[in-house]
C-alpha atoms as a PDB file:
ATOM      1  CA  MET A   1       8.609   3.929 -37.713  1.00  0.00           C
ATOM      2  CA  LYS A   2       9.786   0.931 -36.080  1.00  0.00           C
ATOM      3  CA  ILE A   3       8.987   1.081 -32.371  1.00  0.00           C
ATOM      4  CA  LEU A   4      10.300  -1.657 -30.144  1.00  0.00           C
ATOM      5  CA  VAL A   5       8.382  -1.314 -26.589  1.00  0.00           C
ATOM      6  CA  LEU A   6      10.476  -2.674 -23.506  1.00  0.00           C
ATOM      7  CA  ASN A   7       7.525  -3.177 -20.774  1.00  0.00           C
ATOM      8  CA  GLY A   8       9.849  -3.406 -17.251  1.00  0.00           C
ATOM      9  CA  SER A   9       6.623  -4.347 -15.300  1.00  0.00           C
ATOM     10  CA  PRO A  10       5.922  -7.603 -14.170  1.00  0.00           C
ATOM     11  CA  LYS A  11       2.390  -7.096 -14.269  1.00  0.00           C
ATOM     12  CA  ARG A  12       2.701  -7.345 -18.491  1.00  0.00           C
ATOM     13  CA  ASP A  13      -0.081  -5.284 -20.079  1.00  0.00           C
ATOM     14  CA  LYS A  14      -1.975  -4.623 -16.642  1.00  0.00           C
ATOM     15  CA  SER A  15       0.907  -2.197 -15.803  1.00  0.00           C
ATOM     16  CA  ASP A  16      -0.253   1.267 -14.446  1.00  0.00           C
ATOM     17  CA  VAL A  17       2.607   2.660 -17.064  1.00  0.00           C
ATOM     18  CA  MET A  18       1.528   0.731 -19.652  1.00  0.00           C
ATOM     19  CA  HIS A  19      -1.811   2.701 -19.989  1.00  0.00           C
ATOM     20  CA  MET A  20       0.430   5.758 -20.354  1.00  0.00           C
ATOM     21  CA  THR A  21       2.652   4.072 -22.957  1.00  0.00           C
ATOM     22  CA  ARG A  22      -0.623   2.976 -24.733  1.00  0.00           C
ATOM     23  CA  ALA A  23      -1.718   6.504 -24.933  1.00  0.00           C
ATOM     24  CA  PHE A  24       1.083   7.905 -26.201  1.00  0.00           C
ATOM     25  CA  LEU A  25       1.567   5.506 -29.035  1.00  0.00           C
ATOM     26  CA  GLN A  26      -2.286   5.811 -30.213  1.00  0.00           C
ATOM     27  CA  GLY A  27      -1.328   9.592 -30.283  1.00  0.00           C
ATOM     28  CA  MET A  28       1.937   8.709 -32.561  1.00  0.00           C
ATOM     29  CA  GLN A  29      -0.480   6.179 -34.618  1.00  0.00           C
ATOM     30  CA  ASP A  30      -2.661   9.511 -34.670  1.00  0.00           C
ATOM     31  CA  ALA A  31      -0.064  11.106 -36.806  1.00  0.00           C
ATOM     32  CA  GLY A  32       0.993   8.537 -39.085  1.00  0.00           C
ATOM     33  CA  GLU A  33       0.929   4.665 -39.402  1.00  0.00           C
ATOM     34  CA  GLN A  34       3.790   2.943 -36.654  1.00  0.00           C
ATOM     35  CA  GLN A  35       5.270  -0.307 -36.349  1.00  0.00           C
ATOM     36  CA  ILE A  36       5.116  -1.204 -32.924  1.00  0.00           C
ATOM     37  CA  THR A  37       6.644  -4.281 -30.965  1.00  0.00           C
ATOM     38  CA  THR A  38       6.251  -4.990 -27.477  1.00  0.00           C
ATOM     39  CA  VAL A  39       8.062  -6.894 -25.131  1.00  0.00           C
ATOM     40  CA  HIS A  40       7.245  -8.210 -21.891  1.00  0.00           C
ATOM     41  CA  VAL A  41      10.775  -8.209 -20.187  1.00  0.00           C
ATOM     42  CA  VAL A  42       9.513 -10.606 -17.725  1.00  0.00           C
ATOM     43  CA  ASP A  43       8.781 -13.308 -20.170  1.00  0.00           C
ATOM     44  CA  LYS A  44      12.006 -13.679 -21.507  1.00  0.00           C
ATOM     45  CA  HIS A  45      15.058 -15.713 -20.874  1.00  0.00           C
ATOM     46  CA  ILE A  46      17.439 -12.829 -19.684  1.00  0.00           C
ATOM     47  CA  GLU A  47      20.591 -14.185 -17.970  1.00  0.00           C
ATOM     48  CA  TYR A  48      22.507 -11.928 -15.647  1.00  0.00           C
ATOM     49  CA  CYS A  49      25.541 -10.157 -16.807  1.00  0.00           C
ATOM     50  CA  THR A  50      28.465 -11.684 -15.261  1.00  0.00           C
ATOM     51  CA  GLY A  51      31.041  -9.246 -16.423  1.00  0.00           C
ATOM     52  CA  CYS A  52      33.289 -10.941 -18.280  1.00  0.00           C
ATOM     53  CA  PHE A  53      33.575  -8.658 -21.037  1.00  0.00           C
ATOM     54  CA  ALA A  54      34.036 -11.506 -23.803  1.00  0.00           C
ATOM     55  CA  CYS A  55      31.179  -9.920 -25.666  1.00  0.00           C
ATOM     56  CA  MET A  56      33.159  -6.575 -25.797  1.00  0.00           C
ATOM     57  CA  ARG A  57      36.381  -8.437 -27.070  1.00  0.00           C
ATOM     58  CA  ASN A  58      35.082 -10.573 -29.525  1.00  0.00           C
ATOM     59  CA  GLY A  59      32.816  -8.454 -31.909  1.00  0.00           C
ATOM     60  CA  GLY A  60      29.394  -8.851 -29.512  1.00  0.00           C
ATOM     61  CA  THR A  61      28.802 -12.205 -29.321  1.00  0.00           C
ATOM     62  CA  CYS A  62      27.609 -13.007 -25.488  1.00  0.00           C
ATOM     63  CA  MET A  63      28.536 -15.627 -23.828  1.00  0.00           C
ATOM     64  CA  HIS A  64      24.919 -16.785 -22.911  1.00  0.00           C
ATOM     65  CA  ASP A  65      22.543 -18.166 -25.189  1.00  0.00           C
ATOM     66  CA  ASP A  66      19.216 -16.630 -24.568  1.00  0.00           C
ATOM     67  CA  ASP A  67      16.644 -14.218 -25.701  1.00  0.00           C
ATOM     68  CA  MET A  68      18.967 -11.734 -25.304  1.00  0.00           C
ATOM     69  CA  ARG A  69      20.496 -12.267 -28.785  1.00  0.00           C
ATOM     70  CA  ALA A  70      16.941 -11.688 -30.953  1.00  0.00           C
ATOM     71  CA  ILE A  71      16.083  -8.342 -28.603  1.00  0.00           C
ATOM     72  CA  LEU A  72      19.769  -7.264 -29.543  1.00  0.00           C
ATOM     73  CA  GLU A  73      18.649  -7.587 -33.216  1.00  0.00           C
ATOM     74  CA  ALA A  74      15.782  -5.969 -32.593  1.00  0.00           C
ATOM     75  CA  ILE A  75      16.844  -2.779 -30.729  1.00  0.00           C
ATOM     76  CA  LEU A  76      19.218  -2.418 -33.825  1.00  0.00           C
ATOM     77  CA  GLU A  77      16.553  -2.916 -36.433  1.00  0.00           C
ATOM     78  CA  SER A  78      14.234  -0.243 -34.812  1.00  0.00           C
ATOM     79  CA  ASP A  79      13.954   3.353 -35.211  1.00  0.00           C
ATOM     80  CA  LEU A  80      12.240   3.848 -31.609  1.00  0.00           C
ATOM     81  CA  LEU A  81      13.550   2.144 -28.315  1.00  0.00           C
ATOM     82  CA  LEU A  82      10.442   2.966 -25.667  1.00  0.00           C
ATOM     83  CA  LEU A  83      11.418   1.779 -22.095  1.00  0.00           C
ATOM     84  CA  SER A  84       8.238   1.753 -19.973  1.00  0.00           C
ATOM     85  CA  PHE A  85       8.159   0.741 -16.563  1.00  0.00           C
ATOM     86  CA  PRO A  86       7.442   1.512 -12.814  1.00  0.00           C
ATOM     87  CA  LEU A  87       9.564   3.012 -10.562  1.00  0.00           C
ATOM     88  CA  TYR A  88      11.135   0.326  -8.066  1.00  0.00           C
ATOM     89  CA  CYS A  89      13.159   1.458  -5.232  1.00  0.00           C
ATOM     90  CA  TYR A  90      14.045   4.737  -7.395  1.00  0.00           C
ATOM     91  CA  GLY A  91      15.259   2.745 -10.553  1.00  0.00           C
ATOM     92  CA  MET A  92      14.098   0.064 -12.980  1.00  0.00           C
ATOM     93  CA  PRO A  93      12.663  -3.169 -11.889  1.00  0.00           C
ATOM     94  CA  ALA A  94      15.180  -5.905 -12.124  1.00  0.00           C
ATOM     95  CA  PRO A  95      14.191  -7.851 -14.932  1.00  0.00           C
ATOM     96  CA  LEU A  96      14.724  -4.586 -17.100  1.00  0.00           C
ATOM     97  CA  LYS A  97      17.892  -3.604 -15.575  1.00  0.00           C
ATOM     98  CA  ALA A  98      19.090  -7.308 -16.177  1.00  0.00           C
ATOM     99  CA  LEU A  99      18.128  -6.653 -19.988  1.00  0.00           C
ATOM    100  CA  ILE A 100      20.182  -3.431 -19.771  1.00  0.00           C
ATOM    101  CA  ASP A 101      23.087  -4.699 -18.425  1.00  0.00           C
ATOM    102  CA  ARG A 102      22.819  -7.431 -21.094  1.00  0.00           C
ATOM    103  CA  THR A 103      23.334  -4.584 -23.974  1.00  0.00           C
ATOM    104  CA  LEU A 104      26.999  -4.557 -23.362  1.00  0.00           C
ATOM    105  CA  PRO A 105      27.447  -6.515 -27.098  1.00  0.00           C
ATOM    106  CA  LEU A 106      26.820  -3.156 -28.541  1.00  0.00           C
ATOM    107  CA  SER A 107      29.697  -1.939 -26.836  1.00  0.00           C
ATOM    108  CA  SER A 108      33.379  -2.264 -26.966  1.00  0.00           C
ATOM    109  CA  MET A 109      35.894  -2.076 -24.562  1.00  0.00           C
ATOM    110  CA  ALA A 110      37.593   0.806 -26.317  1.00  0.00           C
ATOM    111  CA  MET A 111      37.196   4.486 -24.603  1.00  0.00           C
ATOM    112  CA  GLN A 112      36.673   7.802 -26.307  1.00  0.00           C
ATOM    113  CA  LYS A 113      35.924  11.141 -24.855  1.00  0.00           C
ATOM    114  CA  VAL A 114      32.835  12.977 -26.000  1.00  0.00           C
ATOM    115  CA  GLY A 115      32.691  16.237 -24.162  1.00  0.00           C
ATOM    116  CA  ASP A 116      33.236  15.958 -20.550  1.00  0.00           C
ATOM    117  CA  ARG A 117      33.028  12.235 -20.210  1.00  0.00           C
ATOM    118  CA  TYR A 118      34.598   9.030 -21.881  1.00  0.00           C
ATOM    119  CA  GLU A 119      32.400   6.492 -23.340  1.00  0.00           C
ATOM    120  CA  HIS A 120      32.627   3.010 -24.789  1.00  0.00           C
ATOM    121  CA  VAL A 121      33.090   2.787 -28.434  1.00  0.00           C
ATOM    122  CA  GLY A 122      30.300   0.894 -30.275  1.00  0.00           C
ATOM    123  CA  GLN A 123      30.665  -2.409 -31.951  1.00  0.00           C
ATOM    124  CA  ALA A 124      27.416  -1.661 -33.815  1.00  0.00           C
ATOM    125  CA  ASP A 125      25.656   1.403 -35.772  1.00  0.00           C
ATOM    126  CA  PHE A 126      22.704   2.753 -33.419  1.00  0.00           C
ATOM    127  CA  ALA A 127      23.232   6.167 -34.176  1.00  0.00           C
ATOM    128  CA  HIS A 128      19.546   5.835 -35.952  1.00  0.00           C
ATOM    129  CA  LEU A 129      17.694   5.271 -32.641  1.00  0.00           C
ATOM    130  CA  ARG A 130      15.822   7.448 -30.658  1.00  0.00           C
ATOM    131  CA  TYR A 131      14.936   6.620 -26.979  1.00  0.00           C
ATOM    132  CA  LEU A 132      11.735   7.389 -25.002  1.00  0.00           C
ATOM    133  CA  MET A 133      11.023   6.907 -21.271  1.00  0.00           C
ATOM    134  CA  ILE A 134       7.906   6.431 -19.594  1.00  0.00           C
ATOM    135  CA  CYS A 135       7.935   5.723 -16.150  1.00  0.00           C
ATOM    136  CA  GLY A 136       5.645   6.166 -13.258  1.00  0.00           C
ATOM    137  CA  CYS A 137       5.606   5.929  -9.257  1.00  0.00           C
ATOM    138  CA  GLY A 138       3.044   5.381  -6.650  1.00  0.00           C
ATOM    139  CA  PHE A 139       4.210   8.507  -4.859  1.00  0.00           C
ATOM    140  CA  PRO A 140       2.073  11.875  -5.132  1.00  0.00           C
ATOM    141  CA  ASN A 141       4.633  13.871  -6.262  1.00  0.00           C
ATOM    142  CA  SER A 142       7.883  14.134  -8.760  1.00  0.00           C
ATOM    143  CA  LYS A 143      10.085  15.331  -6.036  1.00  0.00           C
ATOM    144  CA  GLN A 144      13.400  13.379  -4.787  1.00  0.00           C
ATOM    145  CA  ASN A 145      11.542  10.502  -6.489  1.00  0.00           C
ATOM    146  CA  PHE A 146      12.287   9.768 -10.196  1.00  0.00           C
ATOM    147  CA  GLU A 147      15.615  11.374 -10.630  1.00  0.00           C
ATOM    148  CA  PRO A 148      18.062   8.454  -9.678  1.00  0.00           C
ATOM    149  CA  ALA A 149      15.982   6.676 -13.012  1.00  0.00           C
ATOM    150  CA  VAL A 150      16.081   9.533 -15.049  1.00  0.00           C
ATOM    151  CA  ALA A 151      19.787  10.129 -14.598  1.00  0.00           C
ATOM    152  CA  GLN A 152      20.586   6.970 -15.307  1.00  0.00           C
ATOM    153  CA  PHE A 153      18.517   6.984 -18.603  1.00  0.00           C
ATOM    154  CA  ARG A 154      20.311  10.045 -19.979  1.00  0.00           C
ATOM    155  CA  LEU A 155      23.834   8.651 -18.784  1.00  0.00           C
ATOM    156  CA  LEU A 156      22.799   5.710 -20.616  1.00  0.00           C
ATOM    157  CA  PHE A 157      21.360   7.379 -23.675  1.00  0.00           C
ATOM    158  CA  PRO A 158      23.031  10.526 -24.080  1.00  0.00           C
ATOM    159  CA  CYS A 159      21.574  11.778 -27.398  1.00  0.00           C
ATOM    160  CA  GLY A 160      17.935  11.805 -28.908  1.00  0.00           C
ATOM    161  CA  HIS A 161      16.018  10.986 -25.272  1.00  0.00           C
ATOM    162  CA  THR A 162      12.868  12.086 -24.451  1.00  0.00           C
ATOM    163  CA  ILE A 163      11.643  11.254 -20.534  1.00  0.00           C
ATOM    164  CA  LEU A 164       7.836  11.217 -19.447  1.00  0.00           C
ATOM    165  CA  THR A 165       7.465  10.680 -15.583  1.00  0.00           C
ATOM    166  CA  VAL A 166       4.133  10.384 -13.783  1.00  0.00           C
ATOM    167  CA  PRO A 167       3.524  10.637 -10.183  1.00  0.00           C
ATOM    168  CA  GLU A 168       0.390   9.247  -8.863  1.00  0.00           C
ATOM    169  CA  SER A 169       0.461   6.246 -11.502  1.00  0.00           C
ATOM    170  CA  PRO A 170      -1.904   3.495  -9.770  1.00  0.00           C
ATOM    171  CA  LEU A 171      -4.865   5.540 -10.457  1.00  0.00           C
ATOM    172  CA  PHE A 172      -4.652   4.391 -13.934  1.00  0.00           C
ATOM    173  CA  ASN A 173      -5.498   0.736 -12.475  1.00  0.00           C
ATOM    174  CA  GLU A 174      -8.618   2.037 -10.869  1.00  0.00           C
ATOM    175  CA  PRO A 175     -11.990   2.628 -12.629  1.00  0.00           C
ATOM    176  CA  SER A 176     -13.248   5.026  -9.780  1.00  0.00           C
ATOM    177  CA  ALA A 177     -10.447   7.620 -10.946  1.00  0.00           C
ATOM    178  CA  ALA A 178     -11.232   7.784 -14.476  1.00  0.00           C
ATOM    179  CA  VAL A 179     -12.431  11.477 -13.760  1.00  0.00           C
ATOM    180  CA  VAL A 180      -8.872  12.432 -13.556  1.00  0.00           C
ATOM    181  CA  THR A 181      -7.016   9.516 -15.510  1.00  0.00           C
ATOM    182  CA  GLU A 182      -9.083   9.937 -18.957  1.00  0.00           C
ATOM    183  CA  PRO A 183      -7.998  13.539 -18.724  1.00  0.00           C
ATOM    184  CA  ARG A 184      -4.164  12.524 -18.341  1.00  0.00           C
ATOM    185  CA  LEU A 185      -4.687   9.946 -20.943  1.00  0.00           C
ATOM    186  CA  ALA A 186      -5.718  12.227 -23.395  1.00  0.00           C
ATOM    187  CA  LEU A 187      -2.336  14.794 -22.527  1.00  0.00           C
ATOM    188  CA  LEU A 188      -0.323  11.723 -23.111  1.00  0.00           C
ATOM    189  CA  ARG A 189      -2.031  11.079 -26.430  1.00  0.00           C
ATOM    190  CA  GLN A 190      -1.155  14.403 -27.564  1.00  0.00           C
ATOM    191  CA  ALA A 191       1.991  14.108 -26.369  1.00  0.00           C
ATOM    192  CA  GLY A 192       2.745  11.133 -28.859  1.00  0.00           C
ATOM    193  CA  LYS A 193       1.148  12.820 -31.615  1.00  0.00           C
ATOM    194  CA  ALA A 194       3.532  16.014 -31.023  1.00  0.00           C
ATOM    195  CA  TYR A 195       6.463  13.521 -30.784  1.00  0.00           C
ATOM    196  CA  ALA A 196       5.632  11.780 -34.020  1.00  0.00           C
ATOM    197  CA  GLU A 197       5.339  14.840 -35.914  1.00  0.00           C
ATOM    198  CA  THR A 198       8.326  16.930 -34.273  1.00  0.00           C
ATOM    199  CA  GLY A 199      10.333  14.836 -32.533  1.00  0.00           C
ATOM    200  CA  ALA A 200       9.857  16.121 -29.086  1.00  0.00           C
ATOM    201  CA  VAL A 201       7.262  16.770 -26.810  1.00  0.00           C
ATOM    202  CA  PRO A 202       6.846  20.673 -25.863  1.00  0.00           C
ATOM    203  CA  GLU A 203       7.935  21.602 -22.508  1.00  0.00           C
ATOM    204  CA  ALA A 204       4.847  22.936 -21.253  1.00  0.00           C
ATOM    205  CA  LEU A 205       3.108  19.577 -21.799  1.00  0.00           C
ATOM    206  CA  LEU A 206       5.555  17.470 -20.128  1.00  0.00           C
ATOM    207  CA  HIS A 207       4.902  19.577 -17.085  1.00  0.00           C
ATOM    208  CA  GLU A 208       1.432  18.988 -17.235  1.00  0.00           C
ATOM    209  CA  ILE A 209       1.410  15.209 -17.602  1.00  0.00           C
ATOM    210  CA  GLY A 210       3.912  15.280 -14.638  1.00  0.00           C
ATOM    211  CA  SER A 211       2.102  16.940 -12.360  1.00  0.00           C
ATOM    212  CA  PRO A 212      -0.038  15.178  -9.514  1.00  0.00           C
ATOM    213  CA  MET A 213      -3.497  14.718 -10.903  1.00  0.00           C
ATOM    214  CA  ILE A 214      -5.122  14.954  -7.519  1.00  0.00           C
ATOM    215  CA  PRO A 215      -4.207  16.884  -4.523  1.00  0.00           C
ATOM    216  CA  GLU A 216      -1.130  15.330  -3.323  1.00  0.00           C
ATOM    217  CA  GLU A 217      -2.378  15.255   0.394  1.00  0.00           C
ATOM    218  CA  THR A 218      -5.762  13.786  -1.119  1.00  0.00           C
ATOM    219  CA  TYR A 219      -3.705  10.905  -2.592  1.00  0.00           C
ATOM    220  CA  ALA A 220      -1.706   9.966   0.178  1.00  0.00           C
ATOM    221  CA  ALA A 221      -4.547  10.055   2.297  1.00  0.00           C
ATOM    222  CA  ILE A 222      -6.687   7.926   0.047  1.00  0.00           C
ATOM    223  CA  VAL A 223      -3.634   5.114  -0.473  1.00  0.00           C
ATOM    224  CA  ASN A 224      -3.173   5.138   3.164  1.00  0.00           C
ATOM    225  CA  GLY A 225      -6.852   4.627   4.166  1.00  0.00           C
ATOM    226  CA  ALA A 226      -6.557   1.622   1.389  1.00  0.00           C
ATOM    227  CA  ASN A 227      -3.620   0.148   3.506  1.00  0.00           C
ATOM    228  CA  GLY A 228      -5.235   0.661   6.933  1.00  0.00           C
ATOM    229  CA  LYS A 229      -2.946   3.449   7.871  1.00  0.00           C
END
């Protein structure tokens, strides 16, 4: 399987979430050989979309001549698009959002009704693509935190999507927390293997991965203590 990882964190490989993503991908590798390409979005030259819609009228060519052209080609050549990012203000970090905005060339101005909503008709064939979101946040639990990012991802990719969200993700960059992070990374590896073998992650496993690693109050007290609160 050709996997394109879009790492939305400005911390690149040191991202909390990339610890989780690497574990998931290792699980996929356990099930069979995978061809993995990782793009650190912050390192790419991606201009902001100006909303001119020229790309949606002229067959998919954007007015900007930057790294996004090669990224669009890589997306269409992949089997799995994996968005790995930390939660920023309840959404994607700005560099990744700019990239997503610039996927407009894949769509045309024409609209069609799909179910109870309208969608743009594609200018490219990406029916083969599957979509995966791995997102972490620094809060103690998932309640009233991930919902906006999850809703956006589901609307962007209504078919073939899988979503993993993990609270307390800064623990993955804290060596002293290995007693709780290593078991969680093992679960993520298990999830990756299941995904590679079946195309899905069991709901019970998704729930376990998305649960706090340490009690919420304990985590909040540690974070507040480290910040002098």
